[in-house]
Amino acid sequence: MTDYNDSTYGDRIADIYDNWYQNYDVKAVKALAELAGDGPALELGIGTGRIALPLQTHGVMVHGIDSSEKMIAQLRAKPGGDRIPVTIGDFVEVPVTGQYPLIYVPFNTIFAPLTQEEQVLCFQNAAKHLTPDGTFLTETFMPDMTRFQRNQNISLVAMDDGYLRIDTSRHDAVQQTIYSQHVAWTESGARFYPVKLRYIWPSELDLMARLAGLRLAERWGDWDKSPFTNNSSKLISLFRHA
């Protein structure tokens, strides 16, 4: 689709997002609360508050940035959602004031900017808003090219009487981009939920951090803080001022 922009994914999926991704890792919230300390924490791409609201119950003041007003409407409708300050805008620009002991980008959201330049800019802008001992944390999947055959993939997600959901993807190895459509069919018809991303290799993440004056402090393979290994499907990277 030619009109895809930074709010397209959120605007399209907002009304069913929490049904598809309702579970959060309690270990993630615990780890983020430890890193935030007395707070506040800033979430880039806060969405419906899937992480921010549980983090708030741990006593951490959370601020957020998101480009999708429809996602933020879902956040506002939840208990406690009206107490989270949210800036509507492109999180690449980190359009906030002040400094934070924790700025975090969960659930592959650092892949949402579709160029390397934008991703580097996000690192640089985040670094400007970190306290001297603050942490910039990213959670991403480990890119796995074996998922694709001829740079394409299709997978069945859910199926029962009257409902079918599939995910389709097209991979561009040169640009490091994946264009996906989550497609849900019911008896009343089909709905399409597009998502585009540019994945980042671990070494590239580290170089982006260096360009922003940050260094890799820790890297986990999961929210239980287990080491990142050759077999890890997830990487959680913690960057601090160099």
Foldseek 3Di string as FASTA:
>chain_A
DVPDDQAQQLQQCQVCVCVVVVDDDVLQLVVVLVQQPQWAEEEEACFLVSNPVVNVVVVHQYEYEGQHPSRLVNNCVDVPSVRHHYDHDHLLQVPDDAAGLEYEYEDANLFQPQALVSSLSSLQNNQVRYDQNHKYKYKRFADDPVQDDVQKHKDWDDDDVFKTWMKIWGADPVSQKIWIWIWMGGPVGIGTRIGMGRDDHPVRVQVSNVSNQKHWDAKALDSVRHHDDPPRRMIMTIIHHD
